[in-house]
C-alpha atoms as a PDB file:
ATOM      1  CA  MET A   1     -25.550 -63.376-149.123  1.00  0.00           C
ATOM      2  CA  GLU A   2     -25.397 -66.349-151.461  1.00  0.00           C
ATOM      3  CA  THR A   3     -21.954 -67.884-151.898  1.00  0.00           C
ATOM      4  CA  ILE A   4     -20.696 -70.745-154.026  1.00  0.00           C
ATOM      5  CA  GLN A   5     -21.377 -73.174-151.160  1.00  0.00           C
ATOM      6  CA  LYS A   6     -24.931 -71.937-150.586  1.00  0.00           C
ATOM      7  CA  ALA A   7     -25.604 -72.357-154.310  1.00  0.00           C
ATOM      8  CA  GLY A   8     -24.854 -76.063-153.877  1.00  0.00           C
ATOM      9  CA  TYR A   9     -21.374 -76.249-155.408  1.00  0.00           C
ATOM     10  CA  GLU A  10     -18.271 -77.755-153.897  1.00  0.00           C
ATOM     11  CA  MET A  11     -15.111 -75.675-153.882  1.00  0.00           C
ATOM     12  CA  HIS A  12     -12.954 -76.394-156.901  1.00  0.00           C
ATOM     13  CA  ALA A  13      -9.169 -76.430-156.887  1.00  0.00           C
ATOM     14  CA  LEU A  14      -9.065 -74.731-160.271  1.00  0.00           C
ATOM     15  CA  LEU A  15     -10.941 -71.554-161.056  1.00  0.00           C
ATOM     16  CA  ALA A  16     -11.015 -72.754-164.678  1.00  0.00           C
ATOM     17  CA  MET A  17     -13.649 -75.299-163.645  1.00  0.00           C
ATOM     18  CA  LEU A  18     -16.042 -72.440-162.891  1.00  0.00           C
ATOM     19  CA  LYS A  19     -17.914 -71.417-165.997  1.00  0.00           C
ATOM     20  CA  TYR A  20     -19.340 -67.944-165.610  1.00  0.00           C
ATOM     21  CA  VAL A  21     -20.656 -65.274-167.941  1.00  0.00           C
ATOM     22  CA  LYS A  22     -21.079 -61.522-167.580  1.00  0.00           C
ATOM     23  CA  ILE A  23     -24.213 -59.797-168.786  1.00  0.00           C
ATOM     24  CA  LYS A  24     -22.625 -56.727-170.353  1.00  0.00           C
ATOM     25  CA  SER A  25     -25.769 -54.681-170.859  1.00  0.00           C
ATOM     26  CA  LEU A  26     -29.515 -54.805-171.050  1.00  0.00           C
ATOM     27  CA  ALA A  27     -31.484 -51.988-172.614  1.00  0.00           C
ATOM     28  CA  VAL A  28     -35.163 -51.580-173.359  1.00  0.00           C
ATOM     29  CA  ALA A  29     -36.491 -48.576-175.281  1.00  0.00           C
ATOM     30  CA  GLU A  30     -38.361 -46.108-173.108  1.00  0.00           C
ATOM     31  CA  PRO A  31     -41.791 -46.728-174.749  1.00  0.00           C
ATOM     32  CA  ALA A  32     -41.463 -50.497-174.188  1.00  0.00           C
ATOM     33  CA  ARG A  33     -40.466 -50.336-170.502  1.00  0.00           C
ATOM     34  CA  GLY A  34     -42.805 -51.825-167.943  1.00  0.00           C
ATOM     35  CA  ARG A  35     -44.108 -54.451-170.354  1.00  0.00           C
ATOM     36  CA  GLY A  36     -41.857 -57.337-169.277  1.00  0.00           C
ATOM     37  CA  VAL A  37     -39.430 -57.083-172.198  1.00  0.00           C
ATOM     38  CA  GLY A  38     -36.349 -56.789-169.968  1.00  0.00           C
ATOM     39  CA  ALA A  39     -37.519 -59.637-167.743  1.00  0.00           C
ATOM     40  CA  ALA A  40     -38.082 -61.834-170.810  1.00  0.00           C
ATOM     41  CA  LEU A  41     -34.599 -61.015-172.128  1.00  0.00           C
ATOM     42  CA  LEU A  42     -32.977 -61.891-168.789  1.00  0.00           C
ATOM     43  CA  LYS A  43     -34.997 -65.100-168.525  1.00  0.00           C
ATOM     44  CA  ARG A  44     -33.970 -66.200-172.027  1.00  0.00           C
ATOM     45  CA  CYS A  45     -30.358 -65.255-171.345  1.00  0.00           C
ATOM     46  CA  ALA A  46     -30.362 -67.485-168.252  1.00  0.00           C
ATOM     47  CA  GLN A  47     -31.990 -70.366-170.168  1.00  0.00           C
ATOM     48  CA  VAL A  48     -29.361 -70.234-172.911  1.00  0.00           C
ATOM     49  CA  TYR A  49     -26.389 -70.081-170.537  1.00  0.00           C
ATOM     50  CA  TRP A  50     -27.758 -72.808-168.253  1.00  0.00           C
ATOM     51  CA  GLN A  51     -28.166 -75.040-171.346  1.00  0.00           C
ATOM     52  CA  LEU A  52     -24.521 -74.302-172.201  1.00  0.00           C
ATOM     53  CA  ASP A  53     -23.636 -75.473-168.670  1.00  0.00           C
ATOM     54  CA  PHE A  54     -22.527 -72.122-167.281  1.00  0.00           C
ATOM     55  CA  MET A  55     -22.738 -71.928-163.489  1.00  0.00           C
ATOM     56  CA  LEU A  56     -22.911 -68.202-162.799  1.00  0.00           C
ATOM     57  CA  LEU A  57     -24.465 -65.165-164.492  1.00  0.00           C
ATOM     58  CA  TYR A  58     -23.425 -61.736-163.283  1.00  0.00           C
ATOM     59  CA  GLY A  59     -23.404 -58.107-164.269  1.00  0.00           C
ATOM     60  CA  GLY A  60     -23.207 -54.620-162.876  1.00  0.00           C
ATOM     61  CA  PHE A  61     -24.954 -51.288-163.028  1.00  0.00           C
ATOM     62  CA  GLU A  62     -24.131 -47.732-162.006  1.00  0.00           C
ATOM     63  CA  ILE A  63     -25.280 -46.996-158.448  1.00  0.00           C
ATOM     64  CA  GLU A  64     -27.202 -43.894-159.578  1.00  0.00           C
ATOM     65  CA  ARG A  65     -29.413 -46.081-161.781  1.00  0.00           C
ATOM     66  CA  ALA A  66     -30.886 -47.730-158.634  1.00  0.00           C
ATOM     67  CA  LEU A  67     -31.613 -50.995-160.495  1.00  0.00           C
ATOM     68  CA  GLY A  68     -31.095 -53.257-157.478  1.00  0.00           C
ATOM     69  CA  PRO A  69     -34.805 -53.909-156.845  1.00  0.00           C
ATOM     70  CA  TYR A  70     -35.360 -54.689-160.539  1.00  0.00           C
ATOM     71  CA  TYR A  71     -32.601 -57.319-160.674  1.00  0.00           C
ATOM     72  CA  ALA A  72     -33.704 -58.749-157.314  1.00  0.00           C
ATOM     73  CA  ARG A  73     -37.228 -59.234-158.738  1.00  0.00           C
ATOM     74  CA  GLN A  74     -35.648 -61.137-161.638  1.00  0.00           C
ATOM     75  CA  GLY A  75     -34.083 -63.629-159.196  1.00  0.00           C
ATOM     76  CA  PHE A  76     -30.594 -62.139-158.917  1.00  0.00           C
ATOM     77  CA  THR A  77     -28.714 -61.413-155.721  1.00  0.00           C
ATOM     78  CA  VAL A  78     -27.718 -57.732-155.646  1.00  0.00           C
ATOM     79  CA  LEU A  79     -24.646 -56.740-153.671  1.00  0.00           C
ATOM     80  CA  GLU A  80     -24.201 -53.447-151.880  1.00  0.00           C
ATOM     81  CA  PRO A  81     -21.513 -51.120-153.275  1.00  0.00           C
ATOM     82  CA  GLY A  82     -18.066 -52.421-152.319  1.00  0.00           C
ATOM     83  CA  GLU A  83     -19.421 -55.860-151.352  1.00  0.00           C
ATOM     84  CA  THR A  84     -18.057 -59.072-152.921  1.00  0.00           C
ATOM     85  CA  THR A  85     -19.228 -62.670-153.174  1.00  0.00           C
ATOM     86  CA  ASP A  86     -17.171 -65.852-153.005  1.00  0.00           C
ATOM     87  CA  ILE A  87     -16.791 -67.616-156.361  1.00  0.00           C
ATOM     88  CA  GLY A  88     -14.221 -70.235-155.401  1.00  0.00           C
ATOM     89  CA  TYR A  89     -10.602 -70.812-154.575  1.00  0.00           C
ATOM     90  CA  VAL A  90      -7.398 -70.865-156.594  1.00  0.00           C
ATOM     91  CA  LEU A  91      -4.572 -73.363-156.134  1.00  0.00           C
ATOM     92  CA  THR A  92      -3.074 -71.261-153.340  1.00  0.00           C
ATOM     93  CA  GLY A  93      -6.201 -71.826-151.266  1.00  0.00           C
ATOM     94  CA  ARG A  94      -7.092 -68.149-151.283  1.00  0.00           C
ATOM     95  CA  PRO A  95     -10.718 -67.207-151.987  1.00  0.00           C
ATOM     96  CA  ILE A  96     -11.720 -65.336-155.122  1.00  0.00           C
ATOM     97  CA  GLY A  97     -14.172 -62.499-154.591  1.00  0.00           C
ATOM     98  CA  LEU A  98     -16.365 -61.118-157.346  1.00  0.00           C
ATOM     99  CA  GLY A  99     -17.526 -57.533-156.995  1.00  0.00           C
ATOM    100  CA  ALA A 100     -18.351 -54.414-158.985  1.00  0.00           C
ATOM    101  CA  GLY A 101     -16.025 -51.572-159.815  1.00  0.00           C
ATOM    102  CA  PRO A 102     -16.135 -48.105-158.263  1.00  0.00           C
ATOM    103  CA  GLY A 103     -19.557 -46.482-158.541  1.00  0.00           C
ATOM    104  CA  GLU A 104     -21.238 -49.756-159.493  1.00  0.00           C
ATOM    105  CA  GLN A 105     -23.263 -52.539-157.913  1.00  0.00           C
ATOM    106  CA  LEU A 106     -23.001 -56.200-158.836  1.00  0.00           C
ATOM    107  CA  PHE A 107     -25.882 -58.604-159.437  1.00  0.00           C
ATOM    108  CA  PHE A 108     -25.504 -62.363-159.908  1.00  0.00           C
ATOM    109  CA  ARG A 109     -27.334 -65.673-159.998  1.00  0.00           C
ATOM    110  CA  TRP A 110     -26.033 -69.227-159.623  1.00  0.00           C
ATOM    111  CA  LYS A 111     -27.393 -72.084-161.667  1.00  0.00           C
ATOM    112  CA  ARG A 112     -29.035 -74.502-159.269  1.00  0.00           C
ATOM    113  CA  SER A 113     -27.247 -77.834-159.166  1.00  0.00           C
END
């Protein structure tokens, strides 16, 4: 699993230093699926947020949708249900874990430093 350290970032004392953005939804009309529209949207989304100096893109999907392989093909790490990833530490020195809610899976990608 990729963590903040494996992505090439040092741990920060303040979570506020971590700039991250959630992809709330991605939808492609049924007749347009399989033509690369979703992949192009995700690629452009990443380009825009990397230019704005965000470090992490993430989102989630309902487990029943079985979209893990799709997001993995787009370069995202997909967590198993209930799994979390390390996104840094707060002032207390305790790690912060990012994960999906009940019935969901999380996908994420770090900007390469």
